[in-house]
PDB file of N, CA and C in Angstrom:
ATOM      1  N   MET A   1      14.810 -20.337  -2.260  1.00  0.00           N
ATOM      2  CA  MET A   1      14.854 -20.139  -0.822  1.00  0.00           C
ATOM      3  C   MET A   1      13.977 -18.955  -0.397  1.00  0.00           C
ATOM      4  N   GLU A   2      14.017 -17.887  -1.215  1.00  0.00           N
ATOM      5  CA  GLU A   2      13.217 -16.698  -0.878  1.00  0.00           C
ATOM      6  C   GLU A   2      11.718 -17.006  -0.932  1.00  0.00           C
ATOM      7  N   LYS A   3      11.324 -17.865  -1.857  1.00  0.00           N
ATOM      8  CA  LYS A   3       9.921 -18.253  -1.963  1.00  0.00           C
ATOM      9  C   LYS A   3       9.462 -18.957  -0.684  1.00  0.00           C
ATOM     10  N   LEU A   4      10.281 -19.865  -0.180  1.00  0.00           N
ATOM     11  CA  LEU A   4       9.942 -20.586   1.052  1.00  0.00           C
ATOM     12  C   LEU A   4       9.875 -19.629   2.245  1.00  0.00           C
ATOM     13  N   GLU A   5      10.795 -18.665   2.298  1.00  0.00           N
ATOM     14  CA  GLU A   5      10.765 -17.680   3.385  1.00  0.00           C
ATOM     15  C   GLU A   5       9.491 -16.853   3.335  1.00  0.00           C
ATOM     16  N   ASN A   6       9.074 -16.461   2.130  1.00  0.00           N
ATOM     17  CA  ASN A   6       7.822 -15.697   1.995  1.00  0.00           C
ATOM     18  C   ASN A   6       6.616 -16.532   2.419  1.00  0.00           C
ATOM     19  N   CYS A   7       6.623 -17.804   2.064  1.00  0.00           N
ATOM     20  CA  CYS A   7       5.520 -18.689   2.451  1.00  0.00           C
ATOM     21  C   CYS A   7       5.486 -18.882   3.967  1.00  0.00           C
ATOM     22  N   ASN A   8       6.649 -19.051   4.573  1.00  0.00           N
ATOM     23  CA  ASN A   8       6.703 -19.179   6.031  1.00  0.00           C
ATOM     24  C   ASN A   8       6.229 -17.899   6.708  1.00  0.00           C
ATOM     25  N   TYR A   9       6.588 -16.761   6.138  1.00  0.00           N
ATOM     26  CA  TYR A   9       6.157 -15.478   6.696  1.00  0.00           C
ATOM     27  C   TYR A   9       4.633 -15.328   6.600  1.00  0.00           C
ATOM     28  N   THR A  10       4.057 -15.802   5.510  1.00  0.00           N
ATOM     29  CA  THR A  10       2.601 -15.756   5.350  1.00  0.00           C
ATOM     30  C   THR A  10       1.912 -16.571   6.437  1.00  0.00           C
ATOM     31  N   VAL A  11       2.422 -17.753   6.705  1.00  0.00           N
ATOM     32  CA  VAL A  11       1.844 -18.607   7.753  1.00  0.00           C
ATOM     33  C   VAL A  11       2.024 -17.948   9.114  1.00  0.00           C
ATOM     34  N   GLU A  12       3.190 -17.358   9.343  1.00  0.00           N
ATOM     35  CA  GLU A  12       3.445 -16.677  10.617  1.00  0.00           C
ATOM     36  C   GLU A  12       2.489 -15.503  10.824  1.00  0.00           C
ATOM     37  N   LEU A  13       2.265 -14.710   9.778  1.00  0.00           N
ATOM     38  CA  LEU A  13       1.311 -13.605   9.888  1.00  0.00           C
ATOM     39  C   LEU A  13      -0.100 -14.114  10.175  1.00  0.00           C
ATOM     40  N   GLY A  14      -0.471 -15.190   9.524  1.00  0.00           N
ATOM     41  CA  GLY A  14      -1.784 -15.773   9.769  1.00  0.00           C
ATOM     42  C   GLY A  14      -1.958 -16.205  11.210  1.00  0.00           C
ATOM     43  N   ARG A  15      -0.932 -16.772  11.779  1.00  0.00           N
ATOM     44  CA  ARG A  15      -1.001 -17.198  13.187  1.00  0.00           C
ATOM     45  C   ARG A  15      -1.066 -15.989  14.118  1.00  0.00           C
ATOM     46  N   GLN A  16      -0.334 -14.921  13.785  1.00  0.00           N
ATOM     47  CA  GLN A  16      -0.398 -13.707  14.596  1.00  0.00           C
ATOM     48  C   GLN A  16      -1.781 -13.076  14.554  1.00  0.00           C
ATOM     49  N   LEU A  17      -2.472 -13.229  13.431  1.00  0.00           N
ATOM     50  CA  LEU A  17      -3.825 -12.693  13.284  1.00  0.00           C
ATOM     51  C   LEU A  17      -4.883 -13.660  13.803  1.00  0.00           C
ATOM     52  N   LYS A  18      -4.443 -14.737  14.465  1.00  0.00           N
ATOM     53  CA  LYS A  18      -5.317 -15.719  15.105  1.00  0.00           C
ATOM     54  C   LYS A  18      -6.132 -16.542  14.100  1.00  0.00           C
ATOM     55  N   PHE A  19      -5.572 -16.768  12.895  1.00  0.00           N
ATOM     56  CA  PHE A  19      -6.219 -17.670  11.949  1.00  0.00           C
ATOM     57  C   PHE A  19      -6.040 -19.097  12.440  1.00  0.00           C
ATOM     58  N   SER A  20      -6.956 -19.952  12.081  1.00  0.00           N
ATOM     59  CA  SER A  20      -6.841 -21.358  12.431  1.00  0.00           C
ATOM     60  C   SER A  20      -5.986 -22.046  11.366  1.00  0.00           C
ATOM     61  N   LEU A  21      -4.701 -22.204  11.659  1.00  0.00           N
ATOM     62  CA  LEU A  21      -3.753 -22.779  10.701  1.00  0.00           C
ATOM     63  C   LEU A  21      -3.126 -24.036  11.286  1.00  0.00           C
ATOM     64  N   VAL A  22      -3.933 -25.046  11.474  1.00  0.00           N
ATOM     65  CA  VAL A  22      -3.456 -26.293  12.061  1.00  0.00           C
ATOM     66  C   VAL A  22      -2.876 -27.161  10.950  1.00  0.00           C
ATOM     67  N   GLY A  23      -1.635 -27.546  11.128  1.00  0.00           N
ATOM     68  CA  GLY A  23      -0.996 -28.439  10.165  1.00  0.00           C
ATOM     69  C   GLY A  23      -0.591 -27.781   8.863  1.00  0.00           C
ATOM     70  N   ILE A  24      -0.465 -26.470   8.834  1.00  0.00           N
ATOM     71  CA  ILE A  24      -0.067 -25.766   7.621  1.00  0.00           C
ATOM     72  C   ILE A  24       1.308 -25.151   7.857  1.00  0.00           C
ATOM     73  N   ALA A  25       2.204 -25.376   6.914  1.00  0.00           N
ATOM     74  CA  ALA A  25       3.538 -24.784   6.982  1.00  0.00           C
ATOM     75  C   ALA A  25       3.822 -24.089   5.654  1.00  0.00           C
ATOM     76  N   GLY A  26       4.837 -23.253   5.648  1.00  0.00           N
ATOM     77  CA  GLY A  26       5.200 -22.553   4.424  1.00  0.00           C
ATOM     78  C   GLY A  26       5.619 -23.494   3.315  1.00  0.00           C
ATOM     79  N   GLN A  27       6.179 -24.628   3.693  1.00  0.00           N
ATOM     80  CA  GLN A  27       6.612 -25.603   2.700  1.00  0.00           C
ATOM     81  C   GLN A  27       5.417 -26.163   1.924  1.00  0.00           C
ATOM     82  N   ASP A  28       4.271 -26.319   2.595  1.00  0.00           N
ATOM     83  CA  ASP A  28       3.069 -26.815   1.906  1.00  0.00           C
ATOM     84  C   ASP A  28       2.643 -25.858   0.804  1.00  0.00           C
ATOM     85  N   ILE A  29       2.754 -24.567   1.087  1.00  0.00           N
ATOM     86  CA  ILE A  29       2.366 -23.571   0.082  1.00  0.00           C
ATOM     87  C   ILE A  29       3.360 -23.572  -1.069  1.00  0.00           C
ATOM     88  N   SER A  30       4.653 -23.583  -0.736  1.00  0.00           N
ATOM     89  CA  SER A  30       5.673 -23.530  -1.798  1.00  0.00           C
ATOM     90  C   SER A  30       5.651 -24.787  -2.669  1.00  0.00           C
ATOM     91  N   GLU A  31       5.232 -25.917  -2.101  1.00  0.00           N
ATOM     92  CA  GLU A  31       5.126 -27.144  -2.890  1.00  0.00           C
ATOM     93  C   GLU A  31       3.864 -27.168  -3.741  1.00  0.00           C
ATOM     94  N   GLY A  32       2.943 -26.262  -3.498  1.00  0.00           N
ATOM     95  CA  GLY A  32       1.754 -26.168  -4.339  1.00  0.00           C
ATOM     96  C   GLY A  32       0.565 -26.958  -3.840  1.00  0.00           C
ATOM     97  N   ASN A  33       0.475 -27.227  -2.554  1.00  0.00           N
ATOM     98  CA  ASN A  33      -0.688 -27.920  -2.006  1.00  0.00           C
ATOM     99  C   ASN A  33      -1.890 -26.979  -2.109  1.00  0.00           C
ATOM    100  N   ALA A  34      -2.753 -27.256  -3.061  1.00  0.00           N
ATOM    101  CA  ALA A  34      -3.848 -26.346  -3.385  1.00  0.00           C
ATOM    102  C   ALA A  34      -4.833 -26.175  -2.237  1.00  0.00           C
ATOM    103  N   THR A  35      -5.140 -27.239  -1.535  1.00  0.00           N
ATOM    104  CA  THR A  35      -6.118 -27.175  -0.444  1.00  0.00           C
ATOM    105  C   THR A  35      -5.635 -26.266   0.681  1.00  0.00           C
ATOM    106  N   LEU A  36      -4.405 -26.436   1.105  1.00  0.00           N
ATOM    107  CA  LEU A  36      -3.873 -25.628   2.195  1.00  0.00           C
ATOM    108  C   LEU A  36      -3.658 -24.180   1.758  1.00  0.00           C
ATOM    109  N   THR A  37      -3.206 -23.998   0.512  1.00  0.00           N
ATOM    110  CA  THR A  37      -3.010 -22.646  -0.002  1.00  0.00           C
ATOM    111  C   THR A  37      -4.345 -21.911  -0.072  1.00  0.00           C
ATOM    112  N   LEU A  38      -5.375 -22.572  -0.528  1.00  0.00           N
ATOM    113  CA  LEU A  38      -6.697 -21.967  -0.594  1.00  0.00           C
ATOM    114  C   LEU A  38      -7.226 -21.634   0.800  1.00  0.00           C
ATOM    115  N   GLY A  39      -6.922 -22.487   1.777  1.00  0.00           N
ATOM    116  CA  GLY A  39      -7.355 -22.217   3.150  1.00  0.00           C
ATOM    117  C   GLY A  39      -6.737 -20.949   3.703  1.00  0.00           C
ATOM    118  N   ILE A  40      -5.442 -20.765   3.490  1.00  0.00           N
ATOM    119  CA  ILE A  40      -4.773 -19.545   3.964  1.00  0.00           C
ATOM    120  C   ILE A  40      -5.273 -18.340   3.184  1.00  0.00           C
ATOM    121  N   TRP A  41      -5.385 -18.479   1.881  1.00  0.00           N
ATOM    122  CA  TRP A  41      -5.838 -17.371   1.036  1.00  0.00           C
ATOM    123  C   TRP A  41      -7.239 -16.921   1.436  1.00  0.00           C
ATOM    124  N   SER A  42      -8.151 -17.859   1.655  1.00  0.00           N
ATOM    125  CA  SER A  42      -9.522 -17.491   2.018  1.00  0.00           C
ATOM    126  C   SER A  42      -9.568 -16.840   3.400  1.00  0.00           C
ATOM    127  N   SER A  43      -8.707 -17.283   4.327  1.00  0.00           N
ATOM    128  CA  SER A  43      -8.652 -16.645   5.647  1.00  0.00           C
ATOM    129  C   SER A  43      -8.193 -15.203   5.532  1.00  0.00           C
ATOM    130  N   HIS A  44      -7.191 -14.964   4.710  1.00  0.00           N
ATOM    131  CA  HIS A  44      -6.703 -13.604   4.513  1.00  0.00           C
ATOM    132  C   HIS A  44      -7.771 -12.725   3.860  1.00  0.00           C
ATOM    133  N   ILE A  45      -8.470 -13.258   2.881  1.00  0.00           N
ATOM    134  CA  ILE A  45      -9.521 -12.489   2.202  1.00  0.00           C
ATOM    135  C   ILE A  45     -10.625 -12.129   3.189  1.00  0.00           C
ATOM    136  N   LEU A  46     -11.063 -13.079   4.009  1.00  0.00           N
ATOM    137  CA  LEU A  46     -12.108 -12.782   4.993  1.00  0.00           C
ATOM    138  C   LEU A  46     -11.647 -11.735   6.002  1.00  0.00           C
ATOM    139  N   PHE A  47     -10.388 -11.805   6.408  1.00  0.00           N
ATOM    140  CA  PHE A  47      -9.849 -10.810   7.328  1.00  0.00           C
ATOM    141  C   PHE A  47      -9.841  -9.433   6.672  1.00  0.00           C
ATOM    142  N   ASP A  48      -9.417  -9.355   5.410  1.00  0.00           N
ATOM    143  CA  ASP A  48      -9.405  -8.083   4.697  1.00  0.00           C
ATOM    144  C   ASP A  48     -10.810  -7.515   4.560  1.00  0.00           C
ATOM    145  N   LEU A  49     -11.766  -8.365   4.238  1.00  0.00           N
ATOM    146  CA  LEU A  49     -13.152  -7.902   4.115  1.00  0.00           C
ATOM    147  C   LEU A  49     -13.678  -7.383   5.445  1.00  0.00           C
ATOM    148  N   HIS A  50     -13.311  -8.043   6.530  1.00  0.00           N
ATOM    149  CA  HIS A  50     -13.731  -7.591   7.852  1.00  0.00           C
ATOM    150  C   HIS A  50     -13.132  -6.212   8.164  1.00  0.00           C
ATOM    151  N   CYS A  51     -11.876  -6.009   7.799  1.00  0.00           N
ATOM    152  CA  CYS A  51     -11.241  -4.698   8.025  1.00  0.00           C
ATOM    153  C   CYS A  51     -11.930  -3.608   7.202  1.00  0.00           C
ATOM    154  N   VAL A  52     -12.233  -3.909   5.948  1.00  0.00           N
ATOM    155  CA  VAL A  52     -12.923  -2.932   5.096  1.00  0.00           C
ATOM    156  C   VAL A  52     -14.304  -2.627   5.663  1.00  0.00           C
ATOM    157  N   TYR A  53     -15.010  -3.642   6.137  1.00  0.00           N
ATOM    158  CA  TYR A  53     -16.323  -3.426   6.735  1.00  0.00           C
ATOM    159  C   TYR A  53     -16.239  -2.510   7.954  1.00  0.00           C
ATOM    160  N   ARG A  54     -15.234  -2.749   8.811  1.00  0.00           N
ATOM    161  CA  ARG A  54     -15.076  -1.902  10.004  1.00  0.00           C
ATOM    162  C   ARG A  54     -14.782  -0.462   9.618  1.00  0.00           C
ATOM    163  N   ILE A  55     -13.934  -0.269   8.619  1.00  0.00           N
ATOM    164  CA  ILE A  55     -13.597   1.090   8.184  1.00  0.00           C
ATOM    165  C   ILE A  55     -14.831   1.790   7.648  1.00  0.00           C
ATOM    166  N   PHE A  56     -15.586   1.128   6.771  1.00  0.00           N
ATOM    167  CA  PHE A  56     -16.752   1.776   6.173  1.00  0.00           C
ATOM    168  C   PHE A  56     -17.879   1.973   7.174  1.00  0.00           C
ATOM    169  N   SER A  57     -18.049   1.047   8.102  1.00  0.00           N
ATOM    170  CA  SER A  57     -19.117   1.240   9.091  1.00  0.00           C
ATOM    171  C   SER A  57     -18.780   2.423   9.993  1.00  0.00           C
ATOM    172  N   ASN A  58     -17.499   2.599  10.347  1.00  0.00           N
ATOM    173  CA  ASN A  58     -17.106   3.773  11.130  1.00  0.00           C
ATOM    174  C   ASN A  58     -17.274   5.050  10.326  1.00  0.00           C
ATOM    175  N   LEU A  59     -16.952   5.006   9.039  1.00  0.00           N
ATOM    176  CA  LEU A  59     -17.118   6.177   8.183  1.00  0.00           C
ATOM    177  C   LEU A  59     -18.593   6.563   8.067  1.00  0.00           C
ATOM    178  N   ILE A  60     -19.455   5.583   7.893  1.00  0.00           N
ATOM    179  CA  ILE A  60     -20.891   5.867   7.799  1.00  0.00           C
ATOM    180  C   ILE A  60     -21.406   6.447   9.113  1.00  0.00           C
ATOM    181  N   ARG A  61     -20.931   5.918  10.226  1.00  0.00           N
ATOM    182  CA  ARG A  61     -21.332   6.441  11.529  1.00  0.00           C
ATOM    183  C   ARG A  61     -20.885   7.901  11.689  1.00  0.00           C
ATOM    184  N   ILE A  62     -19.669   8.211  11.271  1.00  0.00           N
ATOM    185  CA  ILE A  62     -19.170   9.585  11.354  1.00  0.00           C
ATOM    186  C   ILE A  62     -19.999  10.515  10.481  1.00  0.00           C
ATOM    187  N   LEU A  63     -20.288  10.078   9.259  1.00  0.00           N
ATOM    188  CA  LEU A  63     -21.100  10.908   8.367  1.00  0.00           C
ATOM    189  C   LEU A  63     -22.507  11.103   8.920  1.00  0.00           C
ATOM    190  N   PHE A  64     -23.090  10.073   9.504  1.00  0.00           N
ATOM    191  CA  PHE A  64     -24.425  10.170  10.064  1.00  0.00           C
ATOM    192  C   PHE A  64     -24.471  11.203  11.184  1.00  0.00           C
ATOM    193  N   TYR A  65     -23.511  11.104  12.122  1.00  0.00           N
ATOM    194  CA  TYR A  65     -23.506  12.050  13.238  1.00  0.00           C
ATOM    195  C   TYR A  65     -23.155  13.458  12.778  1.00  0.00           C
ATOM    196  N   SER A  66     -22.305  13.592  11.749  1.00  0.00           N
ATOM    197  CA  SER A  66     -21.997  14.916  11.211  1.00  0.00           C
ATOM    198  C   SER A  66     -23.239  15.526  10.587  1.00  0.00           C
ATOM    199  N   PHE A  67     -23.977  14.731   9.812  1.00  0.00           N
ATOM    200  CA  PHE A  67     -25.189  15.248   9.178  1.00  0.00           C
ATOM    201  C   PHE A  67     -26.250  15.567  10.220  1.00  0.00           C
ATOM    202  N   ARG A  68     -26.345  14.746  11.253  1.00  0.00           N
ATOM    203  CA  ARG A  68     -27.311  15.020  12.312  1.00  0.00           C
ATOM    204  C   ARG A  68     -26.981  16.327  13.016  1.00  0.00           C
ATOM    205  N   GLY A  69     -25.684  16.576  13.237  1.00  0.00           N
ATOM    206  CA  GLY A  69     -25.268  17.839  13.830  1.00  0.00           C
ATOM    207  C   GLY A  69     -25.595  19.012  12.924  1.00  0.00           C
ATOM    208  N   LEU A  70     -25.400  18.849  11.609  1.00  0.00           N
ATOM    209  CA  LEU A  70     -25.732  19.903  10.656  1.00  0.00           C
ATOM    210  C   LEU A  70     -27.235  20.166  10.657  1.00  0.00           C
ATOM    211  N   LYS A  71     -28.006  19.105  10.726  1.00  0.00           N
ATOM    212  CA  LYS A  71     -29.459  19.242  10.754  1.00  0.00           C
ATOM    213  C   LYS A  71     -29.892  20.032  11.994  1.00  0.00           C
ATOM    214  N   ASN A  72     -29.294  19.736  13.147  1.00  0.00           N
ATOM    215  CA  ASN A  72     -29.634  20.462  14.370  1.00  0.00           C
ATOM    216  C   ASN A  72     -29.203  21.926  14.287  1.00  0.00           C
ATOM    217  N   GLN A  73     -28.049  22.193  13.669  1.00  0.00           N
ATOM    218  CA  GLN A  73     -27.610  23.576  13.504  1.00  0.00           C
ATOM    219  C   GLN A  73     -28.556  24.351  12.609  1.00  0.00           C
ATOM    220  N   MET A  74     -29.027  23.689  11.551  1.00  0.00           N
ATOM    221  CA  MET A  74     -29.974  24.366  10.646  1.00  0.00           C
ATOM    222  C   MET A  74     -31.253  24.725  11.397  1.00  0.00           C
ATOM    223  N   TRP A  75     -31.729  23.867  12.267  1.00  0.00           N
ATOM    224  CA  TRP A  75     -32.936  24.137  13.036  1.00  0.00           C
ATOM    225  C   TRP A  75     -32.703  25.289  14.021  1.00  0.00           C
ATOM    226  N   ILE A  76     -31.565  25.273  14.689  1.00  0.00           N
ATOM    227  CA  ILE A  76     -31.283  26.310  15.683  1.00  0.00           C
ATOM    228  C   ILE A  76     -31.093  27.667  15.009  1.00  0.00           C
ATOM    229  N   ARG A  77     -30.363  27.734  13.926  1.00  0.00           N
ATOM    230  CA  ARG A  77     -30.053  29.014  13.290  1.00  0.00           C
ATOM    231  C   ARG A  77     -31.192  29.558  12.441  1.00  0.00           C
ATOM    232  N   TYR A  78     -31.778  28.715  11.609  1.00  0.00           N
ATOM    233  CA  TYR A  78     -32.711  29.199  10.594  1.00  0.00           C
ATOM    234  C   TYR A  78     -34.123  28.661  10.764  1.00  0.00           C
ATOM    235  N   HIS A  79     -34.375  27.885  11.774  1.00  0.00           N
ATOM    236  CA  HIS A  79     -35.669  27.237  11.998  1.00  0.00           C
ATOM    237  C   HIS A  79     -36.127  26.460  10.756  1.00  0.00           C
ATOM    238  N   VAL A  80     -35.170  25.830  10.129  1.00  0.00           N
ATOM    239  CA  VAL A  80     -35.462  24.988   8.967  1.00  0.00           C
ATOM    240  C   VAL A  80     -35.409  23.547   9.438  1.00  0.00           C
ATOM    241  N   ARG A  81     -36.466  22.838   9.203  1.00  0.00           N
ATOM    242  CA  ARG A  81     -36.539  21.447   9.610  1.00  0.00           C
ATOM    243  C   ARG A  81     -36.274  20.560   8.387  1.00  0.00           C
ATOM    244  N   ILE A  82     -35.319  19.665   8.532  1.00  0.00           N
ATOM    245  CA  ILE A  82     -34.983  18.731   7.454  1.00  0.00           C
ATOM    246  C   ILE A  82     -35.624  17.397   7.788  1.00  0.00           C
ATOM    247  N   ARG A  83     -36.393  16.874   6.850  1.00  0.00           N
ATOM    248  CA  ARG A  83     -37.058  15.591   7.048  1.00  0.00           C
ATOM    249  C   ARG A  83     -36.602  14.619   5.979  1.00  0.00           C
ATOM    250  N   PHE A  84     -36.564  13.374   6.351  1.00  0.00           N
ATOM    251  CA  PHE A  84     -36.179  12.327   5.429  1.00  0.00           C
ATOM    252  C   PHE A  84     -37.420  11.627   4.903  1.00  0.00           C
ATOM    253  N   ALA A  85     -37.398  11.314   3.626  1.00  0.00           N
ATOM    254  CA  ALA A  85     -38.509  10.557   3.045  1.00  0.00           C
ATOM    255  C   ALA A  85     -38.322   9.096   3.380  1.00  0.00           C
ATOM    256  N   ASN A  86     -39.429   8.402   3.678  1.00  0.00           N
ATOM    257  CA  ASN A  86     -39.346   6.974   4.013  1.00  0.00           C
ATOM    258  C   ASN A  86     -39.248   6.149   2.785  1.00  0.00           C
TER     259      ASN A  86
END
């Protein structure tokens, strides 16, 4: 019974995250329907990858602006110009 509840919860979470889960129920997963299980699994993986991409792109943006600020401070304080090689 707990397995079916977990499968139903997985489908419910997928629907809350706006996954396209037409005709998929928790019972299909618990019965071992490979096609439907793979569909839910791949949707979750793509969502996770998208979240990781957003986190890292924001981190890179923060580091870029922090370094740019440091570069400007170096120019203002010490008249040292930092250049990037192409």
